[in-house]
Amino acid sequence: MNLENTKAQMRKGTLEYCVLALLSRKEAYASELIRTLKEARLLVVEGTVYPLLTRLKNDGLLTYRWEESTEGPPRKYYMVTPLGESFLKELHNTWTALTAAVNKVTREARGDGEGLAPEDQQNRAGTDDETEK
């Protein structure tokens, strides 16, 4: 089994959500998105961003505008459409539920409380104290 491939697939699965989230804050051109995603260690291969942007645009979730650049050719600035904002809200809800479920399962699998939310750590500590009495 190739661990690096699995890690890359996990990152790739979150890429659409991250791109929409970034573009919902401010418009950006592809190179800016790539730099931001690389800095966050979410992107390994640049070639995955361009097809994703095209698909999101074709799905009506993004639009773009051209702007002249003093540093070369014109730049295509992407922004989220109203449909994209609605889609992003749904992705956020799904992400929140998914991370909660994954955290719950992995905490239970570890069985040591590592990674527990502070309130869960307190509850666990209280349970451990009562067990020792």
N, C-alpha and C. Protein backbone atom coordinates (compact mmCIF):
# COMPACT_ATOMS: atom_id res chain seq x y z
N MET A 1 0.84 -1.19 0.00
CA MET A 1 0.00 0.00 0.00
C MET A 1 0.89 1.25 0.00
N ASN A 2 0.50 2.23 -0.78
CA ASN A 2 1.29 3.44 -0.92
C ASN A 2 0.69 4.55 -0.07
N LEU A 3 1.34 4.88 1.04
CA LEU A 3 0.85 5.90 1.96
C LEU A 3 0.75 7.27 1.30
N GLU A 4 1.74 7.62 0.50
CA GLU A 4 1.73 8.94 -0.16
C GLU A 4 0.54 9.08 -1.10
N ASN A 5 0.18 8.01 -1.79
CA ASN A 5 -0.98 8.04 -2.67
C ASN A 5 -2.26 8.24 -1.87
N THR A 6 -2.39 7.57 -0.76
CA THR A 6 -3.56 7.72 0.09
C THR A 6 -3.66 9.14 0.62
N LYS A 7 -2.54 9.69 1.07
CA LYS A 7 -2.54 11.07 1.58
C LYS A 7 -2.91 12.06 0.48
N ALA A 8 -2.41 11.84 -0.73
CA ALA A 8 -2.73 12.72 -1.86
C ALA A 8 -4.22 12.64 -2.19
N GLN A 9 -4.79 11.45 -2.14
CA GLN A 9 -6.22 11.29 -2.42
C GLN A 9 -7.07 11.99 -1.36
N MET A 10 -6.63 11.96 -0.11
CA MET A 10 -7.35 12.67 0.95
C MET A 10 -7.33 14.17 0.69
N ARG A 11 -6.17 14.70 0.32
CA ARG A 11 -6.07 16.14 0.00
C ARG A 11 -6.92 16.49 -1.20
N LYS A 12 -6.87 15.65 -2.22
CA LYS A 12 -7.63 15.90 -3.44
C LYS A 12 -9.13 15.96 -3.15
N GLY A 13 -9.57 15.14 -2.21
CA GLY A 13 -10.99 15.11 -1.85
C GLY A 13 -11.48 16.40 -1.21
N THR A 14 -10.58 17.18 -0.67
CA THR A 14 -10.97 18.43 -0.02
C THR A 14 -10.71 19.66 -0.90
N LEU A 15 -10.11 19.44 -2.04
CA LEU A 15 -9.67 20.55 -2.88
C LEU A 15 -10.82 21.44 -3.36
N GLU A 16 -11.91 20.85 -3.82
CA GLU A 16 -13.05 21.62 -4.31
C GLU A 16 -13.59 22.54 -3.21
N TYR A 17 -13.75 21.99 -2.03
CA TYR A 17 -14.24 22.76 -0.89
C TYR A 17 -13.29 23.91 -0.58
N CYS A 18 -12.00 23.64 -0.56
CA CYS A 18 -11.01 24.67 -0.23
C CYS A 18 -10.96 25.77 -1.29
N VAL A 19 -11.02 25.40 -2.55
CA VAL A 19 -11.00 26.40 -3.63
C VAL A 19 -12.22 27.30 -3.52
N LEU A 20 -13.39 26.72 -3.35
CA LEU A 20 -14.60 27.55 -3.21
C LEU A 20 -14.52 28.44 -1.97
N ALA A 21 -14.00 27.91 -0.88
CA ALA A 21 -13.88 28.71 0.35
C ALA A 21 -12.93 29.89 0.14
N LEU A 22 -11.80 29.64 -0.50
CA LEU A 22 -10.85 30.73 -0.77
C LEU A 22 -11.47 31.79 -1.67
N LEU A 23 -12.14 31.35 -2.72
CA LEU A 23 -12.72 32.30 -3.67
C LEU A 23 -13.96 33.01 -3.12
N SER A 24 -14.55 32.46 -2.08
CA SER A 24 -15.70 33.15 -1.47
C SER A 24 -15.24 34.36 -0.66
N ARG A 25 -13.98 34.34 -0.22
CA ARG A 25 -13.41 35.45 0.54
C ARG A 25 -12.96 36.58 -0.37
N LYS A 26 -12.30 36.20 -1.49
CA LYS A 26 -11.84 37.21 -2.44
C LYS A 26 -11.53 36.53 -3.77
N GLU A 27 -11.73 37.28 -4.84
CA GLU A 27 -11.42 36.73 -6.15
C GLU A 27 -9.91 36.52 -6.26
N ALA A 28 -9.54 35.58 -7.11
CA ALA A 28 -8.12 35.27 -7.27
C ALA A 28 -7.89 34.65 -8.64
N TYR A 29 -6.66 34.70 -9.10
CA TYR A 29 -6.31 34.01 -10.33
C TYR A 29 -5.65 32.69 -9.96
N ALA A 30 -5.56 31.81 -10.93
CA ALA A 30 -5.14 30.43 -10.67
C ALA A 30 -3.80 30.35 -9.94
N SER A 31 -2.82 31.16 -10.34
CA SER A 31 -1.51 31.10 -9.69
C SER A 31 -1.59 31.45 -8.21
N GLU A 32 -2.45 32.40 -7.86
CA GLU A 32 -2.63 32.75 -6.44
C GLU A 32 -3.21 31.57 -5.68
N LEU A 33 -4.22 30.93 -6.26
CA LEU A 33 -4.84 29.77 -5.62
C LEU A 33 -3.82 28.66 -5.42
N ILE A 34 -3.05 28.40 -6.45
CA ILE A 34 -2.04 27.34 -6.36
C ILE A 34 -1.03 27.65 -5.26
N ARG A 35 -0.56 28.88 -5.19
CA ARG A 35 0.41 29.27 -4.16
C ARG A 35 -0.20 29.08 -2.76
N THR A 36 -1.42 29.54 -2.58
CA THR A 36 -2.08 29.41 -1.27
C THR A 36 -2.27 27.95 -0.89
N LEU A 37 -2.71 27.14 -1.83
CA LEU A 37 -2.93 25.72 -1.56
C LEU A 37 -1.62 24.99 -1.28
N LYS A 38 -0.56 25.37 -1.98
CA LYS A 38 0.75 24.77 -1.73
C LYS A 38 1.27 25.16 -0.35
N GLU A 39 1.10 26.43 0.02
CA GLU A 39 1.55 26.88 1.34
C GLU A 39 0.82 26.15 2.45
N ALA A 40 -0.44 25.80 2.20
CA ALA A 40 -1.23 25.06 3.19
C ALA A 40 -0.98 23.55 3.11
N ARG A 41 -0.12 23.15 2.19
CA ARG A 41 0.23 21.74 1.97
C ARG A 41 -0.98 20.90 1.54
N LEU A 42 -1.89 21.57 0.81
CA LEU A 42 -3.07 20.86 0.29
C LEU A 42 -2.91 20.48 -1.17
N LEU A 43 -1.87 20.96 -1.80
CA LEU A 43 -1.71 20.73 -3.23
C LEU A 43 -0.31 20.21 -3.51
N VAL A 44 -0.25 19.14 -4.24
CA VAL A 44 1.03 18.59 -4.63
C VAL A 44 1.25 18.82 -6.13
N VAL A 45 0.23 18.59 -6.94
CA VAL A 45 0.34 18.69 -8.38
C VAL A 45 -0.51 19.88 -8.87
N GLU A 46 0.14 20.86 -9.48
CA GLU A 46 -0.55 22.06 -9.95
C GLU A 46 -1.62 21.75 -10.99
N GLY A 47 -1.39 20.73 -11.79
CA GLY A 47 -2.29 20.39 -12.88
C GLY A 47 -3.70 20.02 -12.46
N THR A 48 -3.91 19.77 -11.18
CA THR A 48 -5.26 19.41 -10.72
C THR A 48 -6.15 20.64 -10.57
N VAL A 49 -5.57 21.82 -10.42
CA VAL A 49 -6.36 23.03 -10.17
C VAL A 49 -7.08 23.52 -11.43
N TYR A 50 -6.39 23.52 -12.56
CA TYR A 50 -6.98 24.07 -13.78
C TYR A 50 -8.24 23.32 -14.23
N PRO A 51 -8.21 21.99 -14.29
CA PRO A 51 -9.45 21.27 -14.65
C PRO A 51 -10.56 21.49 -13.61
N LEU A 52 -10.18 21.60 -12.34
CA LEU A 52 -11.17 21.84 -11.29
C LEU A 52 -11.84 23.21 -11.49
N LEU A 53 -11.06 24.23 -11.77
CA LEU A 53 -11.63 25.57 -12.01
C LEU A 53 -12.57 25.55 -13.22
N THR A 54 -12.18 24.86 -14.26
CA THR A 54 -13.03 24.76 -15.45
C THR A 54 -14.33 24.04 -15.13
N ARG A 55 -14.25 22.96 -14.39
CA ARG A 55 -15.46 22.21 -14.03
C ARG A 55 -16.38 23.05 -13.15
N LEU A 56 -15.82 23.75 -12.16
CA LEU A 56 -16.63 24.59 -11.28
C LEU A 56 -17.29 25.73 -12.07
N LYS A 57 -16.56 26.26 -13.04
CA LYS A 57 -17.14 27.32 -13.89
C LYS A 57 -18.26 26.74 -14.75
N ASN A 58 -18.02 25.59 -15.36
CA ASN A 58 -19.04 24.96 -16.20
C ASN A 58 -20.28 24.55 -15.41
N ASP A 59 -20.09 24.26 -14.12
CA ASP A 59 -21.22 23.90 -13.25
C ASP A 59 -21.95 25.13 -12.72
N GLY A 60 -21.46 26.33 -13.06
CA GLY A 60 -22.12 27.56 -12.64
C GLY A 60 -21.75 28.00 -11.23
N LEU A 61 -20.73 27.37 -10.64
CA LEU A 61 -20.33 27.70 -9.27
C LEU A 61 -19.31 28.83 -9.23
N LEU A 62 -18.61 29.03 -10.34
CA LEU A 62 -17.61 30.10 -10.45
C LEU A 62 -17.88 30.89 -11.72
N THR A 63 -17.42 32.11 -11.70
CA THR A 63 -17.35 32.92 -12.90
C THR A 63 -15.97 33.56 -12.90
N TYR A 64 -15.64 34.27 -13.94
CA TYR A 64 -14.32 34.91 -13.98
C TYR A 64 -14.39 36.19 -14.78
N ARG A 65 -13.34 36.99 -14.62
CA ARG A 65 -13.17 38.20 -15.41
C ARG A 65 -11.69 38.30 -15.77
N TRP A 66 -11.42 38.94 -16.89
CA TRP A 66 -10.04 39.15 -17.33
C TRP A 66 -9.55 40.49 -16.82
N GLU A 67 -8.30 40.53 -16.41
CA GLU A 67 -7.69 41.79 -16.00
C GLU A 67 -6.28 41.87 -16.58
N GLU A 68 -5.96 43.02 -17.15
CA GLU A 68 -4.63 43.23 -17.68
C GLU A 68 -3.61 43.17 -16.54
N SER A 69 -2.44 42.66 -16.83
CA SER A 69 -1.38 42.54 -15.84
C SER A 69 -0.16 43.33 -16.30
N THR A 70 0.49 43.97 -15.36
CA THR A 70 1.73 44.69 -15.68
C THR A 70 2.91 43.71 -15.77
N GLU A 71 2.68 42.48 -15.33
CA GLU A 71 3.75 41.47 -15.27
C GLU A 71 3.57 40.36 -16.29
N GLY A 72 2.91 40.62 -17.40
CA GLY A 72 2.74 39.56 -18.39
C GLY A 72 1.36 39.60 -19.02
N PRO A 73 0.88 38.43 -19.42
CA PRO A 73 -0.42 38.37 -20.10
C PRO A 73 -1.57 38.69 -19.14
N PRO A 74 -2.76 38.95 -19.69
CA PRO A 74 -3.91 39.21 -18.81
C PRO A 74 -4.17 38.02 -17.90
N ARG A 75 -4.75 38.31 -16.75
CA ARG A 75 -5.04 37.27 -15.76
C ARG A 75 -6.55 37.04 -15.67
N LYS A 76 -6.89 35.77 -15.50
CA LYS A 76 -8.28 35.39 -15.33
C LYS A 76 -8.55 35.30 -13.82
N TYR A 77 -9.35 36.23 -13.30
CA TYR A 77 -9.71 36.24 -11.89
C TYR A 77 -11.03 35.50 -11.69
N TYR A 78 -11.00 34.50 -10.81
CA TYR A 78 -12.19 33.69 -10.53
C TYR A 78 -12.90 34.22 -9.29
N MET A 79 -14.23 34.10 -9.29
CA MET A 79 -15.04 34.45 -8.14
C MET A 79 -16.21 33.49 -8.04
N VAL A 80 -16.75 33.35 -6.85
CA VAL A 80 -17.87 32.44 -6.59
C VAL A 80 -19.18 33.12 -7.00
N THR A 81 -20.04 32.37 -7.66
CA THR A 81 -21.36 32.86 -8.04
C THR A 81 -22.33 32.66 -6.87
N PRO A 82 -23.53 33.24 -6.94
CA PRO A 82 -24.52 32.96 -5.88
C PRO A 82 -24.81 31.46 -5.74
N LEU A 83 -24.89 30.75 -6.86
CA LEU A 83 -25.07 29.29 -6.79
C LEU A 83 -23.88 28.64 -6.10
N GLY A 84 -22.68 29.15 -6.39
CA GLY A 84 -21.48 28.64 -5.73
C GLY A 84 -21.49 28.88 -4.23
N GLU A 85 -22.02 30.03 -3.82
CA GLU A 85 -22.13 30.33 -2.37
C GLU A 85 -23.06 29.33 -1.69
N SER A 86 -24.19 29.04 -2.32
CA SER A 86 -25.13 28.05 -1.76
C SER A 86 -24.48 26.68 -1.68
N PHE A 87 -23.78 26.31 -2.75
CA PHE A 87 -23.10 25.02 -2.79
C PHE A 87 -22.03 24.94 -1.70
N LEU A 88 -21.30 26.05 -1.51
CA LEU A 88 -20.26 26.10 -0.48
C LEU A 88 -20.86 25.92 0.91
N LYS A 89 -22.01 26.52 1.16
CA LYS A 89 -22.66 26.35 2.47
C LYS A 89 -22.99 24.88 2.72
N GLU A 90 -23.48 24.20 1.68
CA GLU A 90 -23.78 22.77 1.82
C GLU A 90 -22.50 21.96 2.05
N LEU A 91 -21.44 22.31 1.31
CA LEU A 91 -20.16 21.63 1.53
C LEU A 91 -19.66 21.86 2.95
N HIS A 92 -19.83 23.08 3.45
CA HIS A 92 -19.39 23.37 4.82
C HIS A 92 -20.16 22.51 5.82
N ASN A 93 -21.46 22.42 5.66
CA ASN A 93 -22.26 21.58 6.55
C ASN A 93 -21.82 20.12 6.48
N THR A 94 -21.57 19.65 5.27
CA THR A 94 -21.11 18.27 5.09
C THR A 94 -19.74 18.07 5.72
N TRP A 95 -18.84 19.04 5.52
CA TRP A 95 -17.49 18.95 6.09
C TRP A 95 -17.55 18.91 7.62
N THR A 96 -18.37 19.76 8.20
CA THR A 96 -18.51 19.81 9.65
C THR A 96 -18.99 18.47 10.20
N ALA A 97 -20.01 17.90 9.56
CA ALA A 97 -20.53 16.60 10.00
C ALA A 97 -19.50 15.49 9.78
N LEU A 98 -18.82 15.54 8.64
CA LEU A 98 -17.83 14.51 8.32
C LEU A 98 -16.65 14.54 9.29
N THR A 99 -16.12 15.73 9.56
CA THR A 99 -14.97 15.80 10.47
C THR A 99 -15.37 15.38 11.88
N ALA A 100 -16.57 15.74 12.29
CA ALA A 100 -17.04 15.31 13.62
C ALA A 100 -17.13 13.79 13.69
N ALA A 101 -17.67 13.17 12.64
CA ALA A 101 -17.80 11.72 12.61
C ALA A 101 -16.43 11.03 12.58
N VAL A 102 -15.53 11.54 11.75
CA VAL A 102 -14.19 10.95 11.66
C VAL A 102 -13.45 11.11 12.98
N ASN A 103 -13.54 12.29 13.59
CA ASN A 103 -12.88 12.50 14.88
C ASN A 103 -13.45 11.57 15.94
N LYS A 104 -14.75 11.39 15.96
CA LYS A 104 -15.37 10.49 16.94
C LYS A 104 -14.87 9.07 16.75
N VAL A 105 -14.88 8.59 15.53
CA VAL A 105 -14.46 7.22 15.25
C VAL A 105 -12.98 7.03 15.57
N THR A 106 -12.14 7.97 15.16
CA THR A 106 -10.71 7.78 15.39
C THR A 106 -10.36 7.93 16.87
N ARG A 107 -11.07 8.80 17.60
CA ARG A 107 -10.84 8.90 19.05
C ARG A 107 -11.21 7.60 19.72
N GLU A 108 -12.35 7.04 19.34
CA GLU A 108 -12.79 5.78 19.94
C GLU A 108 -11.83 4.65 19.59
N ALA A 109 -11.32 4.68 18.36
CA ALA A 109 -10.40 3.63 17.94
C ALA A 109 -9.09 3.69 18.71
N ARG A 110 -8.62 4.93 19.00
CA ARG A 110 -7.39 5.09 19.78
C ARG A 110 -7.62 4.68 21.22
N GLY A 111 -8.81 4.99 21.73
CA GLY A 111 -9.15 4.60 23.09
C GLY A 111 -8.39 5.32 24.17
N ASP A 112 -7.59 6.31 23.81
CA ASP A 112 -6.76 6.98 24.81
C ASP A 112 -7.20 8.41 25.07
N GLY A 113 -8.23 8.86 24.38
CA GLY A 113 -8.70 10.23 24.60
C GLY A 113 -7.86 11.26 23.88
N GLU A 114 -6.77 10.85 23.24
CA GLU A 114 -5.93 11.81 22.51
C GLU A 114 -6.76 12.41 21.39
N GLY A 115 -6.72 13.71 21.28
CA GLY A 115 -7.48 14.39 20.25
C GLY A 115 -8.90 14.70 20.65
N LEU A 116 -9.26 14.38 21.88
CA LEU A 116 -10.61 14.69 22.35
C LEU A 116 -10.79 16.20 22.49
N ALA A 117 -11.99 16.64 22.25
CA ALA A 117 -12.32 18.03 22.49
C ALA A 117 -12.16 18.30 23.99
N PRO A 118 -11.86 19.55 24.40
CA PRO A 118 -11.64 19.84 25.82
C PRO A 118 -12.76 19.36 26.73
N GLU A 119 -14.02 19.56 26.30
CA GLU A 119 -15.13 19.12 27.16
C GLU A 119 -15.17 17.59 27.27
N ASP A 120 -14.76 16.89 26.19
CA ASP A 120 -14.72 15.44 26.26
C ASP A 120 -13.58 14.97 27.16
N GLN A 121 -12.44 15.71 27.14
CA GLN A 121 -11.33 15.37 28.01
C GLN A 121 -11.75 15.52 29.47
N GLN A 122 -12.48 16.59 29.77
CA GLN A 122 -12.96 16.80 31.15
C GLN A 122 -13.92 15.69 31.55
N ASN A 123 -14.84 15.35 30.65
CA ASN A 123 -15.79 14.27 30.94
C ASN A 123 -15.06 12.96 31.17
N ARG A 124 -14.06 12.70 30.33
CA ARG A 124 -13.28 11.47 30.47
C ARG A 124 -12.50 11.48 31.78
N ALA A 125 -11.91 12.65 32.10
CA ALA A 125 -11.16 12.76 33.36
C ALA A 125 -12.08 12.53 34.55
N GLY A 126 -13.27 13.07 34.50
CA GLY A 126 -14.23 12.87 35.58
C GLY A 126 -14.62 11.42 35.71
N THR A 127 -14.79 10.74 34.61
CA THR A 127 -15.12 9.32 34.61
C THR A 127 -13.97 8.52 35.17
N ASP A 128 -12.74 8.85 34.78
CA ASP A 128 -11.57 8.13 35.29
C ASP A 128 -11.42 8.31 36.79
N ASP A 129 -11.67 9.55 37.28
CA ASP A 129 -11.56 9.82 38.72
C ASP A 129 -12.56 8.99 39.51
N GLU A 130 -13.79 8.91 38.99
CA GLU A 130 -14.81 8.16 39.71
C GLU A 130 -14.51 6.67 39.69
N THR A 131 -13.89 6.20 38.62
CA THR A 131 -13.54 4.80 38.50
C THR A 131 -12.50 4.42 39.54
N GLU A 132 -11.56 5.35 39.82
CA GLU A 132 -10.49 5.06 40.75
C GLU A 132 -10.97 5.06 42.19
N LYS A 133 -12.12 5.67 42.49
CA LYS A 133 -12.61 5.77 43.88
C LYS A 133 -13.13 4.46 44.40
